[in-house]
Amino acid sequence: MYNIFIFITYLQLFMAKVISAIYGLVMMAVLVGIMLQINEDGPLAPSSLFFFIVASEMVIAAFLHPQEFVCLPAGIVYYVTIPSM
């Protein structure tokens, strides 16, 4: 957090890239963990249902906005990198 005040702009951007990459890897691990838990507990477990509801929100929004339907595959990248944007 102190790098915001002390370091030069190039170093701040580099640190933001590193932190974002680490977060992306952690989210990929979370996504794999969710898939394993869905496989283990079944699709009606609370965590599985939450994942399916979040995914279905994106699909419903895509159907309600047909011009942006082609953007739906980018939802995976959006899910993995939400705080990095």
Protein backbone atom coordinates (compact mmCIF):
# COMPACT_ATOMS: atom_id res chain seq x y z
CA MET A 1 0.00 0.00 0.00
CA TYR A 2 2.90 2.35 0.65
CA ASN A 3 4.11 2.06 -2.94
CA ILE A 4 1.37 4.48 -3.97
CA PHE A 5 3.12 7.34 -2.22
CA ILE A 6 6.78 6.36 -2.51
CA PHE A 7 7.55 4.65 -5.82
CA ILE A 8 7.58 5.99 -9.37
CA THR A 9 4.69 5.40 -11.75
CA TYR A 10 6.38 2.57 -13.66
CA LEU A 11 6.94 0.60 -10.45
CA GLN A 12 3.38 1.23 -9.29
CA LEU A 13 2.02 -0.15 -12.57
CA PHE A 14 4.34 -3.15 -12.38
CA MET A 15 3.18 -3.93 -8.84
CA ALA A 16 -0.46 -3.60 -9.96
CA LYS A 17 0.21 -6.10 -12.75
CA VAL A 18 1.84 -8.56 -10.34
CA ILE A 19 -0.98 -8.28 -7.79
CA SER A 20 -3.60 -8.69 -10.55
CA ALA A 21 -1.81 -11.78 -11.91
CA ILE A 22 -1.68 -13.33 -8.44
CA TYR A 23 -5.37 -12.59 -7.95
CA GLY A 24 -6.19 -14.15 -11.32
CA LEU A 25 -4.35 -17.33 -10.34
CA VAL A 26 -6.15 -17.46 -7.01
CA MET A 27 -9.52 -17.04 -8.74
CA MET A 28 -8.66 -19.83 -11.17
CA ALA A 29 -7.92 -22.06 -8.17
CA VAL A 30 -11.26 -21.05 -6.66
CA LEU A 31 -13.04 -21.88 -9.91
CA VAL A 32 -11.42 -25.31 -10.02
CA GLY A 33 -12.35 -25.82 -6.36
CA ILE A 34 -15.97 -24.93 -7.08
CA MET A 35 -16.07 -27.40 -9.96
CA LEU A 36 -14.63 -30.14 -7.74
CA GLN A 37 -17.13 -29.33 -5.02
CA ILE A 38 -20.02 -29.45 -7.51
CA ASN A 39 -18.76 -32.86 -8.61
CA GLU A 40 -18.46 -34.05 -5.01
CA ASP A 41 -21.57 -32.54 -3.37
CA GLY A 42 -23.88 -32.47 -6.36
CA PRO A 43 -25.61 -29.63 -8.14
CA LEU A 44 -28.13 -28.95 -5.35
CA ALA A 45 -25.60 -28.02 -2.67
CA PRO A 46 -25.81 -24.35 -1.57
CA SER A 47 -22.44 -23.38 -3.04
CA SER A 48 -23.30 -25.12 -6.30
CA LEU A 49 -26.65 -23.37 -6.50
CA PHE A 50 -25.01 -19.99 -5.87
CA PHE A 51 -22.54 -20.62 -8.70
CA PHE A 52 -25.32 -21.65 -11.07
CA ILE A 53 -27.44 -18.63 -10.13
CA VAL A 54 -24.56 -16.24 -10.79
CA ALA A 55 -23.87 -17.94 -14.14
CA SER A 56 -27.55 -17.88 -15.08
CA GLU A 57 -27.72 -14.15 -14.30
CA MET A 58 -25.15 -13.56 -17.02
CA VAL A 59 -27.05 -15.77 -19.49
CA ILE A 60 -30.39 -14.10 -18.71
CA ALA A 61 -28.81 -10.68 -19.17
CA ALA A 62 -27.41 -11.85 -22.51
CA PHE A 63 -30.86 -12.97 -23.67
CA LEU A 64 -32.38 -9.65 -22.58
CA HIS A 65 -29.71 -7.72 -24.50
CA PRO A 66 -29.34 -9.69 -27.77
CA GLN A 67 -26.89 -7.25 -29.36
CA GLU A 68 -24.37 -7.99 -26.62
CA PHE A 69 -24.94 -11.76 -26.68
CA VAL A 70 -21.57 -12.29 -28.38
CA CYS A 71 -19.91 -10.80 -25.29
CA LEU A 72 -21.08 -13.73 -23.15
CA PRO A 73 -17.85 -15.78 -23.45
CA ALA A 74 -15.98 -12.83 -21.96
CA GLY A 75 -17.94 -13.45 -18.76
CA ILE A 76 -15.42 -16.09 -17.73
CA VAL A 77 -12.59 -13.57 -17.93
CA TYR A 78 -14.77 -11.04 -16.11
CA TYR A 79 -15.45 -13.53 -13.30
CA VAL A 80 -11.76 -14.30 -12.86
CA THR A 81 -10.49 -10.71 -12.97
CA ILE A 82 -13.29 -8.64 -11.41
CA PRO A 83 -11.18 -6.61 -8.91
CA SER A 84 -8.37 -6.05 -11.38
CA MET A 85 -10.46 -3.81 -13.62
